[in-house]
């Protein structure tokens, strides 16, 4: 099997072309994939995404590709964003102690993060679901908007 970026891009474009007849469903598929990529089900995100995509009759390939938002370069932003959003939505001043004392993202060590996350696990989990919903919705609307623009150019 060839897992090169070029091959993934080709597969992605092929799947998009198969789904172009229904822009809302295609947009929902991408948004759902992004949502599942952020949901805190570490190690099981893609299996859950695949199973739910099957139940909802969504394009499984596109859901899996879109759920790959939780790649290593983005993980710190997803973790800290989840923690911060959880703190803000739960009314904690400055998003919680880890964020409040943060001057620079490079100041946070994994030890600091996991020490605070252990104390505020519910804050992180709640924030991760809120972030997943927000990013899934943004992905939905961006995809729908891009498809509408593409359609209007025809």
C-alpha atoms as a PDB file:
ATOM      1  CA  UNK A   1       0.000   0.000   0.000  1.00  0.00           C
ATOM      2  CA  UNK A   2       1.185   3.479  -0.869  1.00  0.00           C
ATOM      3  CA  UNK A   3       0.636   5.977   1.955  1.00  0.00           C
ATOM      4  CA  UNK A   4       2.284   8.981   0.321  1.00  0.00           C
ATOM      5  CA  UNK A   5       0.762  12.452   0.580  1.00  0.00           C
ATOM      6  CA  UNK A   6       0.131  12.385  -3.173  1.00  0.00           C
ATOM      7  CA  UNK A   7      -1.837   9.119  -2.874  1.00  0.00           C
ATOM      8  CA  UNK A   8      -3.869  10.419   0.077  1.00  0.00           C
ATOM      9  CA  UNK A   9      -4.658  13.626  -1.834  1.00  0.00           C
ATOM     10  CA  UNK A  10      -5.746  11.608  -4.878  1.00  0.00           C
ATOM     11  CA  UNK A  11      -7.976   9.365  -2.729  1.00  0.00           C
ATOM     12  CA  UNK A  12      -9.434  12.419  -0.992  1.00  0.00           C
ATOM     13  CA  UNK A  13     -10.218  14.124  -4.305  1.00  0.00           C
ATOM     14  CA  UNK A  14     -11.742  10.906  -5.670  1.00  0.00           C
ATOM     15  CA  UNK A  15     -14.006  10.585  -2.619  1.00  0.00           C
ATOM     16  CA  UNK A  16     -15.011  14.260  -2.831  1.00  0.00           C
ATOM     17  CA  UNK A  17     -16.021  13.790  -6.483  1.00  0.00           C
ATOM     18  CA  UNK A  18     -18.202  10.826  -5.482  1.00  0.00           C
ATOM     19  CA  UNK A  19     -20.049  12.962  -2.912  1.00  0.00           C
ATOM     20  CA  UNK A  20     -20.402  16.248  -4.837  1.00  0.00           C
ATOM     21  CA  UNK A  21     -24.059  15.598  -5.629  1.00  0.00           C
ATOM     22  CA  UNK A  22     -25.025  16.473  -2.031  1.00  0.00           C
ATOM     23  CA  UNK A  23     -22.964  19.432  -0.694  1.00  0.00           C
ATOM     24  CA  UNK A  24     -24.664  19.467   2.722  1.00  0.00           C
ATOM     25  CA  UNK A  25     -23.976  15.781   3.315  1.00  0.00           C
ATOM     26  CA  UNK A  26     -20.373  16.186   2.126  1.00  0.00           C
ATOM     27  CA  UNK A  27     -19.916  19.192   4.426  1.00  0.00           C
ATOM     28  CA  UNK A  28     -21.446  17.272   7.327  1.00  0.00           C
ATOM     29  CA  UNK A  29     -19.098  14.359   6.609  1.00  0.00           C
ATOM     30  CA  UNK A  30     -16.031  16.611   6.813  1.00  0.00           C
ATOM     31  CA  UNK A  31     -17.347  18.436   9.897  1.00  0.00           C
ATOM     32  CA  UNK A  32     -18.140  15.141  11.605  1.00  0.00           C
ATOM     33  CA  UNK A  33     -14.645  13.842  10.834  1.00  0.00           C
ATOM     34  CA  UNK A  34     -13.042  16.941  12.373  1.00  0.00           C
ATOM     35  CA  UNK A  35     -15.355  16.618  15.389  1.00  0.00           C
ATOM     36  CA  UNK A  36     -14.303  12.989  15.884  1.00  0.00           C
ATOM     37  CA  UNK A  37     -10.620  13.927  15.497  1.00  0.00           C
ATOM     38  CA  UNK A  38     -10.855  16.253  18.516  1.00  0.00           C
ATOM     39  CA  UNK A  39     -13.146  14.198  20.758  1.00  0.00           C
ATOM     40  CA  UNK A  40     -11.074  12.863  23.677  1.00  0.00           C
ATOM     41  CA  UNK A  41     -11.257   9.164  22.795  1.00  0.00           C
ATOM     42  CA  UNK A  42      -7.509   8.738  22.379  1.00  0.00           C
ATOM     43  CA  UNK A  43      -6.608   5.667  20.402  1.00  0.00           C
ATOM     44  CA  UNK A  44     -10.203   4.933  19.459  1.00  0.00           C
ATOM     45  CA  UNK A  45     -11.187   8.070  17.546  1.00  0.00           C
ATOM     46  CA  UNK A  46     -10.931   6.532  14.097  1.00  0.00           C
ATOM     47  CA  UNK A  47     -12.650   3.283  15.048  1.00  0.00           C
ATOM     48  CA  UNK A  48     -15.535   5.194  16.625  1.00  0.00           C
ATOM     49  CA  UNK A  49     -15.635   7.615  13.678  1.00  0.00           C
ATOM     50  CA  UNK A  50     -15.735   4.715  11.214  1.00  0.00           C
ATOM     51  CA  UNK A  51     -18.517   2.927  13.095  1.00  0.00           C
ATOM     52  CA  UNK A  52     -20.627   6.081  13.456  1.00  0.00           C
ATOM     53  CA  UNK A  53     -20.039   7.007   9.802  1.00  0.00           C
ATOM     54  CA  UNK A  54     -21.329   3.547   8.863  1.00  0.00           C
ATOM     55  CA  UNK A  55     -24.445   4.047  11.012  1.00  0.00           C
ATOM     56  CA  UNK A  56     -25.087   7.532   9.591  1.00  0.00           C
ATOM     57  CA  UNK A  57     -24.428   6.447   5.981  1.00  0.00           C
ATOM     58  CA  UNK A  58     -21.549   8.901   5.572  1.00  0.00           C
ATOM     59  CA  UNK A  59     -18.501   8.465   3.356  1.00  0.00           C
ATOM     60  CA  UNK A  60     -16.220   6.526   5.705  1.00  0.00           C
ATOM     61  CA  UNK A  61     -13.051   7.404   3.814  1.00  0.00           C
ATOM     62  CA  UNK A  62     -13.704  11.146   4.114  1.00  0.00           C
ATOM     63  CA  UNK A  63     -14.616  10.855   7.789  1.00  0.00           C
ATOM     64  CA  UNK A  64     -11.362   9.021   8.523  1.00  0.00           C
ATOM     65  CA  UNK A  65      -9.282  11.509   6.523  1.00  0.00           C
ATOM     66  CA  UNK A  66     -10.951  14.492   8.239  1.00  0.00           C
ATOM     67  CA  UNK A  67     -10.532  12.905  11.676  1.00  0.00           C
ATOM     68  CA  UNK A  68      -6.779  13.044  11.205  1.00  0.00           C
ATOM     69  CA  UNK A  69      -6.789  16.605  12.507  1.00  0.00           C
ATOM     70  CA  UNK A  70      -5.178  15.340  15.711  1.00  0.00           C
ATOM     71  CA  UNK A  71      -1.726  15.002  14.165  1.00  0.00           C
ATOM     72  CA  UNK A  72       1.354  15.603  16.350  1.00  0.00           C
ATOM     73  CA  UNK A  73       1.965  19.262  15.397  1.00  0.00           C
ATOM     74  CA  UNK A  74      -1.637  20.157  16.328  1.00  0.00           C
ATOM     75  CA  UNK A  75      -1.948  18.082  19.505  1.00  0.00           C
ATOM     76  CA  UNK A  76      -0.563  20.776  21.875  1.00  0.00           C
ATOM     77  CA  UNK A  77      -3.063  23.294  20.488  1.00  0.00           C
ATOM     78  CA  UNK A  78      -5.924  20.812  20.771  1.00  0.00           C
ATOM     79  CA  UNK A  79      -4.982  19.893  24.354  1.00  0.00           C
ATOM     80  CA  UNK A  80      -4.434  23.463  25.560  1.00  0.00           C
ATOM     81  CA  UNK A  81      -7.434  24.743  23.573  1.00  0.00           C
ATOM     82  CA  UNK A  82      -9.640  22.080  25.132  1.00  0.00           C
ATOM     83  CA  UNK A  83      -8.382  22.887  28.620  1.00  0.00           C
ATOM     84  CA  UNK A  84      -8.825  26.642  28.080  1.00  0.00           C
ATOM     85  CA  UNK A  85     -12.313  26.374  26.544  1.00  0.00           C
ATOM     86  CA  UNK A  86     -13.329  24.041  29.363  1.00  0.00           C
ATOM     87  CA  UNK A  87     -12.137  26.582  31.918  1.00  0.00           C
ATOM     88  CA  UNK A  88     -13.842  29.502  30.205  1.00  0.00           C
ATOM     89  CA  UNK A  89     -17.157  27.673  29.759  1.00  0.00           C
ATOM     90  CA  UNK A  90     -17.038  26.467  33.360  1.00  0.00           C
ATOM     91  CA  UNK A  91     -16.409  30.021  34.610  1.00  0.00           C
ATOM     92  CA  UNK A  92     -12.833  29.535  35.775  1.00  0.00           C
ATOM     93  CA  UNK A  93     -10.852  32.759  35.776  1.00  0.00           C
ATOM     94  CA  UNK A  94      -8.461  32.949  32.815  1.00  0.00           C
ATOM     95  CA  UNK A  95      -9.323  29.418  31.665  1.00  0.00           C
ATOM     96  CA  UNK A  96      -7.829  27.692  34.692  1.00  0.00           C
ATOM     97  CA  UNK A  97      -4.487  27.764  36.516  1.00  0.00           C
ATOM     98  CA  UNK A  98      -2.388  26.254  33.719  1.00  0.00           C
ATOM     99  CA  UNK A  99      -3.557  28.822  31.175  1.00  0.00           C
ATOM    100  CA  UNK A 100      -3.657  31.750  33.615  1.00  0.00           C
ATOM    101  CA  UNK A 101       0.025  31.284  34.467  1.00  0.00           C
ATOM    102  CA  UNK A 102       1.034  30.698  30.844  1.00  0.00           C
ATOM    103  CA  UNK A 103       3.251  33.407  29.382  1.00  0.00           C
ATOM    104  CA  UNK A 104       4.495  31.482  26.359  1.00  0.00           C
ATOM    105  CA  UNK A 105       3.351  28.131  24.962  1.00  0.00           C
ATOM    106  CA  UNK A 106       6.951  26.940  25.076  1.00  0.00           C
ATOM    107  CA  UNK A 107       6.869  27.434  28.891  1.00  0.00           C
ATOM    108  CA  UNK A 108       4.457  24.515  29.304  1.00  0.00           C
ATOM    109  CA  UNK A 109       6.075  21.172  29.826  1.00  0.00           C
ATOM    110  CA  UNK A 110       4.226  17.893  29.500  1.00  0.00           C
ATOM    111  CA  UNK A 111       4.731  17.421  33.225  1.00  0.00           C
ATOM    112  CA  UNK A 112       2.996  20.762  33.962  1.00  0.00           C
ATOM    113  CA  UNK A 113       0.188  19.906  31.588  1.00  0.00           C
ATOM    114  CA  UNK A 114      -0.449  16.434  33.010  1.00  0.00           C
ATOM    115  CA  UNK A 115      -0.162  17.672  36.613  1.00  0.00           C
ATOM    116  CA  UNK A 116      -2.885  20.247  35.961  1.00  0.00           C
ATOM    117  CA  UNK A 117      -4.961  18.023  33.718  1.00  0.00           C
ATOM    118  CA  UNK A 118      -5.115  15.432  36.492  1.00  0.00           C
ATOM    119  CA  UNK A 119      -6.617  18.039  38.810  1.00  0.00           C
ATOM    120  CA  UNK A 120      -8.976  19.390  36.186  1.00  0.00           C
ATOM    121  CA  UNK A 121      -9.777  16.343  34.051  1.00  0.00           C
ATOM    122  CA  UNK A 122     -13.471  17.196  33.752  1.00  0.00           C
ATOM    123  CA  UNK A 123     -12.537  20.709  32.600  1.00  0.00           C
ATOM    124  CA  UNK A 124     -10.373  19.235  29.832  1.00  0.00           C
ATOM    125  CA  UNK A 125     -12.966  16.641  28.724  1.00  0.00           C
ATOM    126  CA  UNK A 126     -15.804  19.167  28.717  1.00  0.00           C
ATOM    127  CA  UNK A 127     -13.615  21.653  26.830  1.00  0.00           C
ATOM    128  CA  UNK A 128     -12.584  18.997  24.304  1.00  0.00           C
ATOM    129  CA  UNK A 129     -16.219  18.282  23.447  1.00  0.00           C
ATOM    130  CA  UNK A 130     -16.979  22.002  23.157  1.00  0.00           C
ATOM    131  CA  UNK A 131     -13.877  22.522  20.967  1.00  0.00           C
ATOM    132  CA  UNK A 132     -14.839  19.488  18.859  1.00  0.00           C
ATOM    133  CA  UNK A 133     -18.333  20.894  18.286  1.00  0.00           C
ATOM    134  CA  UNK A 134     -16.970  24.344  17.408  1.00  0.00           C
ATOM    135  CA  UNK A 135     -14.296  23.030  15.033  1.00  0.00           C
ATOM    136  CA  UNK A 136     -16.708  20.528  13.466  1.00  0.00           C
ATOM    137  CA  UNK A 137     -19.212  23.331  12.824  1.00  0.00           C
ATOM    138  CA  UNK A 138     -16.512  25.611  11.408  1.00  0.00           C
ATOM    139  CA  UNK A 139     -15.326  22.793   9.144  1.00  0.00           C
ATOM    140  CA  UNK A 140     -18.904  22.178   8.014  1.00  0.00           C
ATOM    141  CA  UNK A 141     -19.478  25.817   7.086  1.00  0.00           C
ATOM    142  CA  UNK A 142     -16.078  26.268   5.411  1.00  0.00           C
ATOM    143  CA  UNK A 143     -16.621  23.125   3.321  1.00  0.00           C
ATOM    144  CA  UNK A 144     -20.168  24.152   2.402  1.00  0.00           C
ATOM    145  CA  UNK A 145     -19.000  27.664   1.482  1.00  0.00           C
ATOM    146  CA  UNK A 146     -16.131  26.289  -0.651  1.00  0.00           C
ATOM    147  CA  UNK A 147     -18.512  23.909  -2.430  1.00  0.00           C
ATOM    148  CA  UNK A 148     -21.002  26.727  -3.097  1.00  0.00           C
ATOM    149  CA  UNK A 149     -18.214  28.868  -4.573  1.00  0.00           C
ATOM    150  CA  UNK A 150     -17.037  25.957  -6.715  1.00  0.00           C
ATOM    151  CA  UNK A 151     -20.595  25.301  -7.862  1.00  0.00           C
ATOM    152  CA  UNK A 152     -21.201  28.969  -8.751  1.00  0.00           C
ATOM    153  CA  UNK A 153     -18.075  29.024 -10.961  1.00  0.00           C
ATOM    154  CA  UNK A 154     -19.488  26.280 -13.201  1.00  0.00           C
END
